[in-house]
N, C-alpha and C. Protein backbone atom coordinates (compact mmCIF):
# COMPACT_ATOMS: atom_id res chain seq x y z
N UNK A 1 137.27 136.19 5.08
CA UNK A 1 138.29 136.62 5.76
C UNK A 1 139.41 135.49 5.84
N UNK A 2 140.70 136.11 5.61
CA UNK A 2 141.83 135.26 5.80
C UNK A 2 142.47 135.26 7.13
N UNK A 3 143.19 134.17 7.49
CA UNK A 3 143.66 134.20 8.76
C UNK A 3 145.14 135.03 8.61
N UNK A 4 145.67 135.24 9.78
CA UNK A 4 147.16 135.93 9.76
C UNK A 4 148.24 134.99 9.10
N UNK A 5 148.03 133.79 9.32
CA UNK A 5 148.87 132.73 8.66
C UNK A 5 148.73 132.63 7.15
N UNK A 6 147.29 132.80 6.72
CA UNK A 6 147.28 132.82 5.22
C UNK A 6 147.72 134.09 4.42
N UNK A 7 147.55 135.36 5.31
CA UNK A 7 148.12 136.51 4.97
C UNK A 7 149.56 136.46 4.61
N UNK A 8 150.35 135.80 5.76
CA UNK A 8 151.72 135.72 5.62
C UNK A 8 152.15 134.94 4.65
N UNK A 9 151.51 133.88 4.10
CA UNK A 9 151.92 133.14 3.06
C UNK A 9 151.68 133.80 1.67
N UNK A 10 150.85 134.83 1.61
CA UNK A 10 150.69 135.50 0.54
C UNK A 10 151.87 136.59 0.18
N UNK A 11 152.61 137.04 1.25
CA UNK A 11 153.64 137.93 1.09
C UNK A 11 154.80 137.29 0.21
N UNK A 12 155.39 138.31 -0.69
CA UNK A 12 156.58 137.92 -1.39
C UNK A 12 157.58 137.13 -0.55
N UNK A 13 158.13 136.04 -1.16
CA UNK A 13 159.06 135.25 -0.38
C UNK A 13 160.38 136.00 0.38
N UNK A 14 160.95 137.12 -0.43
CA UNK A 14 161.90 137.73 0.11
C UNK A 14 161.47 138.52 1.44
N UNK A 15 160.37 138.97 1.58
CA UNK A 15 159.67 139.64 2.74
C UNK A 15 159.52 138.53 3.79
N UNK A 16 158.94 137.28 3.37
CA UNK A 16 158.86 136.41 4.51
C UNK A 16 160.19 135.85 4.94
N UNK A 17 161.22 135.85 3.96
CA UNK A 17 162.53 135.46 4.51
C UNK A 17 163.08 136.49 5.33
N UNK A 18 162.96 137.84 5.13
CA UNK A 18 163.26 138.86 6.01
C UNK A 18 162.68 138.66 7.42
N UNK A 19 161.50 138.33 7.46
CA UNK A 19 160.74 138.09 8.63
C UNK A 19 161.40 137.02 9.52
N UNK A 20 161.93 136.20 9.02
CA UNK A 20 162.51 134.92 9.52
C UNK A 20 163.98 134.92 9.40
N UNK A 21 164.67 136.18 9.32
CA UNK A 21 166.05 136.37 9.15
C UNK A 21 166.92 135.77 10.25
N UNK A 22 166.52 135.70 11.52
CA UNK A 22 167.21 135.20 12.42
C UNK A 22 167.64 133.62 12.29
N UNK A 23 166.52 132.90 11.60
CA UNK A 23 166.68 131.50 11.28
C UNK A 23 167.48 131.16 10.00
N UNK A 24 167.41 132.17 9.17
CA UNK A 24 168.08 132.09 7.83
C UNK A 24 169.59 132.53 8.11
N UNK A 25 169.75 133.43 8.87
CA UNK A 25 171.24 134.02 8.98
C UNK A 25 172.26 133.07 8.89
N UNK A 26 172.28 131.97 9.59
CA UNK A 26 173.53 131.23 9.65
C UNK A 26 173.76 130.54 8.15
N UNK A 27 172.85 130.21 7.53
CA UNK A 27 172.98 129.73 6.20
C UNK A 27 173.31 130.93 5.26
N UNK A 28 172.82 132.04 5.43
CA UNK A 28 173.00 133.15 4.48
C UNK A 28 174.61 133.61 4.44
N UNK A 29 174.78 133.87 6.07
CA UNK A 29 176.39 134.29 5.91
C UNK A 29 177.37 133.35 5.55
N UNK A 30 177.16 132.09 5.96
CA UNK A 30 178.04 131.14 5.37
C UNK A 30 178.04 130.82 3.91
N UNK A 31 176.82 130.95 3.24
CA UNK A 31 176.55 130.80 1.86
C UNK A 31 177.36 131.97 1.06
N UNK A 32 177.05 133.13 1.44
CA UNK A 32 177.65 134.31 0.92
C UNK A 32 179.20 134.19 0.91
N UNK A 33 179.59 133.80 2.22
CA UNK A 33 181.06 133.70 2.56
C UNK A 33 181.74 132.66 1.59
N UNK A 34 180.98 131.55 1.26
CA UNK A 34 181.62 130.46 0.33
C UNK A 34 181.69 130.97 -0.92
N UNK A 35 180.71 131.83 -1.44
CA UNK A 35 180.74 132.36 -2.79
C UNK A 35 181.92 133.23 -2.96
N UNK A 36 182.17 134.20 -1.84
CA UNK A 36 183.19 135.02 -1.95
C UNK A 36 184.48 134.39 -1.90
N UNK A 37 184.54 133.39 -1.04
CA UNK A 37 185.87 132.57 -0.85
C UNK A 37 186.13 131.67 -2.16
N UNK A 38 185.09 131.28 -2.88
CA UNK A 38 185.29 130.71 -4.16
C UNK A 38 185.79 131.52 -5.07
N UNK A 39 185.35 132.88 -5.04
CA UNK A 39 185.77 133.86 -6.11
C UNK A 39 187.25 134.19 -5.81
N UNK A 40 187.64 134.34 -4.37
CA UNK A 40 188.91 134.74 -4.11
C UNK A 40 189.88 133.72 -4.38
N UNK A 41 189.47 132.30 -4.21
CA UNK A 41 190.39 131.23 -4.69
C UNK A 41 190.59 131.15 -6.10
N UNK A 42 189.65 131.47 -6.74
CA UNK A 42 189.65 131.48 -8.16
C UNK A 42 190.60 132.39 -8.95
N UNK A 43 190.36 133.70 -8.11
CA UNK A 43 191.50 134.80 -8.90
C UNK A 43 192.75 134.55 -8.16
N UNK A 44 192.80 134.11 -7.01
CA UNK A 44 194.19 134.23 -6.34
C UNK A 44 195.05 132.95 -6.68
N UNK A 45 194.25 131.83 -6.67
CA UNK A 45 195.07 130.53 -6.75
C UNK A 45 194.83 129.74 -7.98
N UNK A 46 193.54 129.46 -8.29
CA UNK A 46 193.11 128.68 -9.52
C UNK A 46 193.34 129.31 -10.81
N UNK A 47 193.23 130.64 -11.12
CA UNK A 47 193.35 131.14 -12.31
C UNK A 47 194.78 131.11 -12.79
N UNK A 48 195.84 131.65 -11.96
CA UNK A 48 197.19 131.80 -12.40
C UNK A 48 197.80 130.40 -12.70
N UNK A 49 197.46 129.55 -12.00
CA UNK A 49 198.03 127.97 -11.86
C UNK A 49 197.03 127.00 -11.77
N UNK A 50 195.90 126.90 -12.67
CA UNK A 50 194.87 126.02 -12.31
C UNK A 50 195.30 124.38 -12.16
N UNK A 51 194.91 123.96 -11.21
CA UNK A 51 195.10 122.53 -10.79
C UNK A 51 193.72 121.73 -10.65
N UNK A 52 193.84 120.52 -10.94
CA UNK A 52 192.63 119.68 -10.75
C UNK A 52 191.82 120.05 -9.41
N UNK A 53 192.59 119.88 -8.35
CA UNK A 53 191.96 120.18 -7.09
C UNK A 53 191.53 121.62 -6.82
N UNK A 54 192.39 122.58 -7.33
CA UNK A 54 191.83 124.13 -7.17
C UNK A 54 190.55 124.28 -7.99
N UNK A 55 190.46 123.97 -9.07
CA UNK A 55 189.34 124.12 -9.82
C UNK A 55 187.97 123.49 -9.30
N UNK A 56 188.21 122.10 -8.79
CA UNK A 56 187.22 121.45 -8.10
C UNK A 56 186.77 122.31 -6.86
N UNK A 57 187.78 122.65 -6.07
CA UNK A 57 187.42 123.46 -4.85
C UNK A 57 186.73 124.70 -5.07
N UNK A 58 187.06 125.34 -6.15
CA UNK A 58 186.36 126.63 -6.44
C UNK A 58 184.88 126.18 -6.79
N UNK A 59 184.69 125.33 -7.80
CA UNK A 59 183.20 124.79 -8.03
C UNK A 59 182.49 124.46 -6.77
N UNK A 60 183.12 123.72 -5.80
CA UNK A 60 182.37 123.00 -4.60
C UNK A 60 182.13 124.34 -3.79
N UNK A 61 182.98 125.25 -3.54
CA UNK A 61 182.72 126.25 -2.73
C UNK A 61 181.56 127.07 -3.21
N UNK A 62 181.60 127.50 -4.49
CA UNK A 62 180.51 128.36 -5.09
C UNK A 62 179.34 127.68 -5.19
N UNK A 63 179.32 126.39 -5.84
CA UNK A 63 177.84 125.63 -6.15
C UNK A 63 177.42 125.14 -4.91
N UNK A 64 178.16 124.23 -4.04
CA UNK A 64 177.45 123.55 -3.05
C UNK A 64 177.45 124.37 -1.78
N UNK A 65 178.58 124.83 -1.31
CA UNK A 65 178.60 125.44 -0.05
C UNK A 65 178.02 126.90 -0.25
N UNK A 66 178.10 127.38 -1.45
CA UNK A 66 177.43 128.77 -1.49
C UNK A 66 175.97 128.85 -2.02
N UNK A 67 175.80 128.52 -3.16
CA UNK A 67 174.44 128.48 -3.67
C UNK A 67 173.68 127.48 -3.05
N UNK A 68 174.21 126.28 -3.03
CA UNK A 68 173.46 125.03 -2.30
C UNK A 68 172.90 125.45 -0.97
N UNK A 69 173.74 125.99 -0.15
CA UNK A 69 173.55 126.32 1.18
C UNK A 69 172.53 127.52 1.28
N UNK A 70 172.60 128.45 0.48
CA UNK A 70 171.60 129.57 0.53
C UNK A 70 170.07 128.93 0.11
N UNK A 71 169.89 128.07 -0.98
CA UNK A 71 168.76 127.29 -1.33
C UNK A 71 168.24 126.48 -0.09
N UNK A 72 169.09 125.78 0.62
CA UNK A 72 168.77 124.97 1.59
C UNK A 72 168.21 125.69 2.77
N UNK A 73 168.98 126.53 3.05
CA UNK A 73 168.54 127.62 4.20
C UNK A 73 167.22 128.30 4.07
N UNK A 74 167.10 128.94 2.79
CA UNK A 74 165.93 129.64 2.45
C UNK A 74 164.82 128.75 2.34
N UNK A 75 165.02 127.45 1.74
CA UNK A 75 163.86 126.44 1.56
C UNK A 75 163.31 126.03 3.09
N UNK A 76 164.21 125.91 3.77
CA UNK A 76 163.75 125.32 5.17
C UNK A 76 163.06 126.47 5.95
N UNK A 77 163.52 127.55 5.79
CA UNK A 77 162.67 128.74 6.48
C UNK A 77 161.31 128.95 5.84
N UNK A 78 161.40 128.98 4.61
CA UNK A 78 160.12 129.26 3.87
C UNK A 78 159.15 128.23 3.62
N UNK A 79 159.54 127.02 3.28
CA UNK A 79 158.69 125.96 3.10
C UNK A 79 158.20 125.05 4.30
N UNK A 80 158.96 125.01 5.33
CA UNK A 80 158.43 124.17 6.45
C UNK A 80 157.22 124.73 7.10
N UNK A 81 156.13 123.69 7.44
CA UNK A 81 155.05 124.13 7.89
C UNK A 81 155.24 125.11 9.08
N UNK A 82 156.14 124.74 9.95
CA UNK A 82 156.45 125.46 11.25
C UNK A 82 158.00 125.87 11.03
N UNK A 83 158.28 127.12 11.02
CA UNK A 83 159.56 127.55 10.78
C UNK A 83 160.50 127.15 11.88
N UNK A 84 161.67 126.73 11.35
CA UNK A 84 162.44 126.13 12.41
C UNK A 84 163.11 127.13 13.24
N UNK A 85 163.49 126.83 14.40
CA UNK A 85 164.14 127.80 15.34
C UNK A 85 165.46 128.17 14.89
N UNK A 86 165.98 129.44 15.21
CA UNK A 86 167.20 129.86 14.89
C UNK A 86 168.21 128.98 15.45
N UNK A 87 168.16 128.28 16.67
CA UNK A 87 169.11 127.52 17.22
C UNK A 87 169.11 126.10 16.32
N UNK A 88 168.12 125.73 15.79
CA UNK A 88 168.03 124.61 14.92
C UNK A 88 168.85 124.78 13.69
N UNK A 89 168.59 126.04 13.21
CA UNK A 89 169.19 126.24 11.90
C UNK A 89 170.59 126.53 12.15
N UNK A 90 171.05 126.85 13.23
CA UNK A 90 172.38 127.14 13.64
C UNK A 90 173.16 125.68 13.50
N UNK A 91 172.70 124.78 14.17
CA UNK A 91 173.02 123.56 14.30
C UNK A 91 173.09 122.99 12.85
N UNK A 92 172.06 123.07 12.01
CA UNK A 92 172.25 122.55 10.83
C UNK A 92 173.22 123.15 9.89
N UNK A 93 173.29 124.73 9.85
CA UNK A 93 174.20 125.32 9.16
C UNK A 93 175.72 125.03 9.65
N UNK A 94 175.94 124.61 10.85
CA UNK A 94 177.13 124.14 11.31
C UNK A 94 177.60 122.88 10.88
N UNK A 95 176.59 121.95 10.93
CA UNK A 95 176.84 120.69 10.35
C UNK A 95 177.06 120.51 8.94
N UNK A 96 176.20 121.40 8.02
CA UNK A 96 176.49 121.63 6.65
C UNK A 96 178.09 122.02 6.31
N UNK A 97 178.34 123.10 6.99
CA UNK A 97 179.63 123.75 6.84
C UNK A 97 180.83 122.82 7.26
N UNK A 98 180.48 122.10 8.32
CA UNK A 98 181.59 121.12 8.79
C UNK A 98 181.95 119.94 7.84
N UNK A 99 180.82 119.58 7.18
CA UNK A 99 180.75 118.55 6.18
C UNK A 99 181.61 118.95 4.89
N UNK A 100 181.16 120.25 4.56
CA UNK A 100 181.82 120.79 3.32
C UNK A 100 183.31 120.98 3.71
N UNK A 101 183.78 121.36 4.77
CA UNK A 101 185.09 121.73 5.01
C UNK A 101 185.79 120.42 5.02
N UNK A 102 185.40 119.25 5.60
CA UNK A 102 185.87 118.09 5.63
C UNK A 102 186.06 117.39 4.24
N UNK A 103 184.86 117.70 3.30
CA UNK A 103 185.00 117.27 2.13
C UNK A 103 186.21 117.85 1.16
N UNK A 104 186.27 119.23 1.39
CA UNK A 104 187.30 120.13 0.45
C UNK A 104 188.62 119.63 1.21
N UNK A 105 188.71 119.59 2.33
CA UNK A 105 190.09 119.24 2.89
C UNK A 105 190.49 117.89 2.65
N UNK A 106 189.57 116.80 2.69
CA UNK A 106 189.87 115.63 2.28
C UNK A 106 190.32 115.41 0.73
N UNK A 107 189.61 115.99 -0.11
CA UNK A 107 190.00 116.07 -1.64
C UNK A 107 191.21 116.73 -1.86
N UNK A 108 191.45 118.03 -1.24
CA UNK A 108 192.60 118.71 -1.65
C UNK A 108 193.85 118.18 -1.02
N UNK A 109 193.86 117.48 0.05
CA UNK A 109 195.00 116.85 0.75
C UNK A 109 195.09 115.29 0.46
N UNK A 110 194.17 114.77 -0.35
CA UNK A 110 193.99 113.52 -0.69
C UNK A 110 193.86 112.50 0.54
N UNK A 111 193.17 112.69 1.53
CA UNK A 111 192.63 112.04 2.70
C UNK A 111 191.37 111.64 2.44
N UNK A 112 191.45 110.40 2.05
CA UNK A 112 189.97 109.84 1.61
C UNK A 112 189.00 109.63 2.83
N UNK A 113 189.58 109.32 3.94
CA UNK A 113 188.80 109.05 5.11
C UNK A 113 188.17 110.45 5.44
N UNK A 114 188.97 111.44 5.60
CA UNK A 114 188.06 112.69 5.86
C UNK A 114 187.23 113.02 4.85
N UNK A 115 187.43 113.00 3.75
CA UNK A 115 186.33 113.10 2.56
C UNK A 115 185.09 112.21 2.90
N UNK A 116 185.29 111.10 3.23
CA UNK A 116 184.08 110.11 3.42
C UNK A 116 183.40 110.46 4.67
N UNK A 117 183.92 110.87 5.59
CA UNK A 117 183.28 111.32 6.95
C UNK A 117 182.61 112.54 6.52
N UNK A 118 183.16 113.61 5.83
CA UNK A 118 182.42 114.78 5.40
C UNK A 118 181.27 114.44 4.72
N UNK A 119 181.51 113.47 3.60
CA UNK A 119 180.25 113.07 2.76
C UNK A 119 179.11 112.37 3.54
N UNK A 120 179.39 111.49 4.41
CA UNK A 120 178.44 110.98 5.44
C UNK A 120 177.60 112.04 6.26
N UNK A 121 178.37 113.12 6.76
CA UNK A 121 177.72 114.14 7.43
C UNK A 121 176.81 114.89 6.48
N UNK A 122 177.21 115.14 5.32
CA UNK A 122 176.61 115.90 4.39
C UNK A 122 175.39 115.24 4.08
N UNK A 123 175.37 113.80 3.79
CA UNK A 123 174.27 112.95 3.45
C UNK A 123 173.26 113.17 4.63
N UNK A 124 173.65 113.10 5.82
CA UNK A 124 172.57 113.36 7.08
C UNK A 124 172.17 114.70 7.12
N UNK A 125 172.76 115.84 6.87
CA UNK A 125 172.11 117.09 6.65
C UNK A 125 171.12 117.15 5.64
N UNK A 126 171.37 116.59 4.61
CA UNK A 126 170.57 116.79 3.51
C UNK A 126 169.28 115.94 3.76
N UNK A 127 169.45 114.59 4.27
CA UNK A 127 168.24 113.97 4.53
C UNK A 127 167.37 114.77 5.60
N UNK A 128 167.97 115.25 6.68
CA UNK A 128 167.44 116.04 7.64
C UNK A 128 166.44 117.17 6.96
N UNK A 129 167.12 117.78 5.98
CA UNK A 129 166.60 119.02 5.25
C UNK A 129 165.40 118.56 4.49
N UNK A 130 165.53 117.54 4.02
CA UNK A 130 164.20 116.96 3.09
C UNK A 130 163.22 116.58 4.30
N UNK A 131 163.61 116.11 5.42
CA UNK A 131 162.69 115.73 6.44
C UNK A 131 162.08 116.95 6.98
N UNK A 132 162.70 118.15 7.07
CA UNK A 132 162.30 119.38 7.58
C UNK A 132 161.06 119.85 7.03
N UNK A 133 160.89 119.65 5.59
CA UNK A 133 159.72 120.13 4.92
C UNK A 133 158.84 119.01 4.35
N UNK A 134 158.73 118.17 5.24
CA UNK A 134 157.80 116.92 4.96
C UNK A 134 156.35 117.46 5.13
N UNK A 135 156.16 118.37 5.93
CA UNK A 135 154.62 118.91 5.99
C UNK A 135 154.94 120.42 5.76
N UNK A 136 154.95 120.57 4.38
CA UNK A 136 155.24 121.97 3.95
C UNK A 136 154.10 122.73 3.87
N UNK A 137 154.31 124.15 4.16
CA UNK A 137 153.41 125.13 4.40
C UNK A 137 152.92 125.42 2.79
N UNK A 138 153.86 125.20 1.90
CA UNK A 138 153.41 125.59 0.57
C UNK A 138 153.48 124.33 -0.37
N UNK A 139 152.84 124.33 -1.43
CA UNK A 139 152.93 123.41 -2.45
C UNK A 139 153.28 123.94 -3.82
N UNK A 140 153.62 123.19 -4.84
CA UNK A 140 153.92 123.72 -6.13
C UNK A 140 155.35 123.70 -6.41
N UNK A 141 155.78 124.49 -7.42
CA UNK A 141 157.07 124.47 -7.90
C UNK A 141 158.11 124.85 -6.90
N UNK A 142 157.92 125.68 -5.96
CA UNK A 142 159.12 125.82 -4.97
C UNK A 142 159.45 124.81 -4.17
N UNK A 143 158.54 124.04 -3.77
CA UNK A 143 158.61 122.72 -2.89
C UNK A 143 159.40 121.68 -3.77
N UNK A 144 158.98 121.40 -4.94
CA UNK A 144 159.47 120.61 -5.95
C UNK A 144 161.05 121.14 -6.15
N UNK A 145 161.19 122.38 -6.50
CA UNK A 145 162.51 122.81 -6.77
C UNK A 145 163.59 122.54 -5.56
N UNK A 146 162.99 122.78 -4.39
CA UNK A 146 163.80 122.52 -3.12
C UNK A 146 164.29 121.11 -3.03
N UNK A 147 163.16 120.20 -3.16
CA UNK A 147 163.60 118.83 -3.01
C UNK A 147 164.24 118.34 -4.02
N UNK A 148 164.09 118.87 -5.39
CA UNK A 148 165.16 118.50 -6.36
C UNK A 148 166.51 118.94 -6.06
N UNK A 149 166.76 120.16 -5.84
CA UNK A 149 168.12 120.57 -5.40
C UNK A 149 168.72 119.64 -4.30
N UNK A 150 168.05 119.04 -3.48
CA UNK A 150 168.63 118.40 -2.31
C UNK A 150 168.80 116.82 -2.85
N UNK A 151 167.94 116.32 -3.73
CA UNK A 151 168.04 115.00 -4.31
C UNK A 151 169.37 115.07 -5.07
N UNK A 152 169.52 116.14 -5.96
CA UNK A 152 170.80 116.16 -6.80
C UNK A 152 171.90 116.17 -5.92
N UNK A 153 171.99 116.99 -5.04
CA UNK A 153 173.22 116.79 -4.06
C UNK A 153 173.30 115.49 -3.30
N UNK A 154 172.31 114.87 -2.89
CA UNK A 154 172.26 113.51 -2.34
C UNK A 154 172.77 112.63 -3.49
N UNK A 155 172.46 112.52 -4.52
CA UNK A 155 172.83 111.61 -5.84
C UNK A 155 174.43 111.85 -5.99
N UNK A 156 174.81 113.20 -5.78
CA UNK A 156 176.11 113.50 -6.16
C UNK A 156 177.08 112.95 -5.27
N UNK A 157 176.63 112.60 -3.99
CA UNK A 157 177.53 112.20 -2.97
C UNK A 157 178.28 110.76 -3.42
N UNK A 158 177.44 109.80 -3.72
CA UNK A 158 178.33 108.49 -4.06
C UNK A 158 178.93 108.65 -5.31
N UNK A 159 178.50 109.45 -6.26
CA UNK A 159 179.21 109.76 -7.42
C UNK A 159 180.49 110.43 -7.17
N UNK A 160 180.58 111.45 -6.36
CA UNK A 160 181.82 112.13 -6.14
C UNK A 160 182.72 111.15 -5.28
N UNK A 161 182.20 110.23 -4.53
CA UNK A 161 182.88 109.41 -3.59
C UNK A 161 183.66 108.31 -4.63
N UNK A 162 183.07 107.87 -5.69
CA UNK A 162 183.47 106.91 -6.69
C UNK A 162 184.60 107.68 -7.44
N UNK A 163 184.22 108.81 -7.95
CA UNK A 163 185.18 109.60 -8.74
C UNK A 163 186.68 109.88 -7.72
N UNK A 164 186.35 110.16 -6.62
CA UNK A 164 187.54 110.72 -5.77
C UNK A 164 188.43 109.53 -5.42
N UNK A 165 187.81 108.34 -5.31
CA UNK A 165 188.46 107.19 -4.85
C UNK A 165 188.93 106.10 -6.03
N UNK A 166 188.45 106.63 -7.16
CA UNK A 166 188.91 105.71 -8.18
C UNK A 166 190.26 105.76 -8.41
N UNK A 167 190.81 104.38 -8.74
CA UNK A 167 192.19 104.21 -8.92
C UNK A 167 193.04 104.16 -7.74
N UNK A 168 192.52 104.27 -6.63
CA UNK A 168 193.18 104.02 -5.47
C UNK A 168 193.28 102.54 -4.94
N UNK A 169 194.21 102.11 -4.23
CA UNK A 169 194.46 100.60 -3.94
C UNK A 169 193.78 100.34 -2.73
C-alpha cells in the first residue's frame, strides 16, 4: 500500500502543478505576461525598425522572463521536497521580475549600474531557486533539467555583464 504522498508523486506533473496553483501563480502570470510582452514588442517596435537593444529586449523577455520564469516557478513547486508557500513564491517571483526589469532598463537605457544591480539580484534569485530544491522530492531528468536551466542562466550573467560593458571606459 502506498502513502498519500507517494500517490501524489505518481500524478502527472500538470495535475500536481494545478494542485499547487496558488504557489505557481505569481511565476505563471508574470511568465506568460513576459512572453506576450515580448511578442508585442517584437511586432510593434523591433520588427519595423530592428535595433540591437530592441531585438535583445524581445529575446530577454521571451526566453528569460517568460520561459525561464515558467520553468523556475514550476520546478520549485514540483521538485521541492516540501512545496513552497504561496507567499514565498510571490516574494521570489517579485525579486525575479524586479531583477529582469532592472536588467532590461539598464541595457536599453545604457545605465550599466542599473543593469549590474539587476544582474546581482537575478544571481541571488537563481541561487535561492537551486537551494530550494536541494532536498528534492523527485530524482531523474526533471531535476537535472531544472538545475541545468538555472546553471545556464547563472553562467549567462557574467557573460552578459562582459558583453554589455565591453568598450566602456
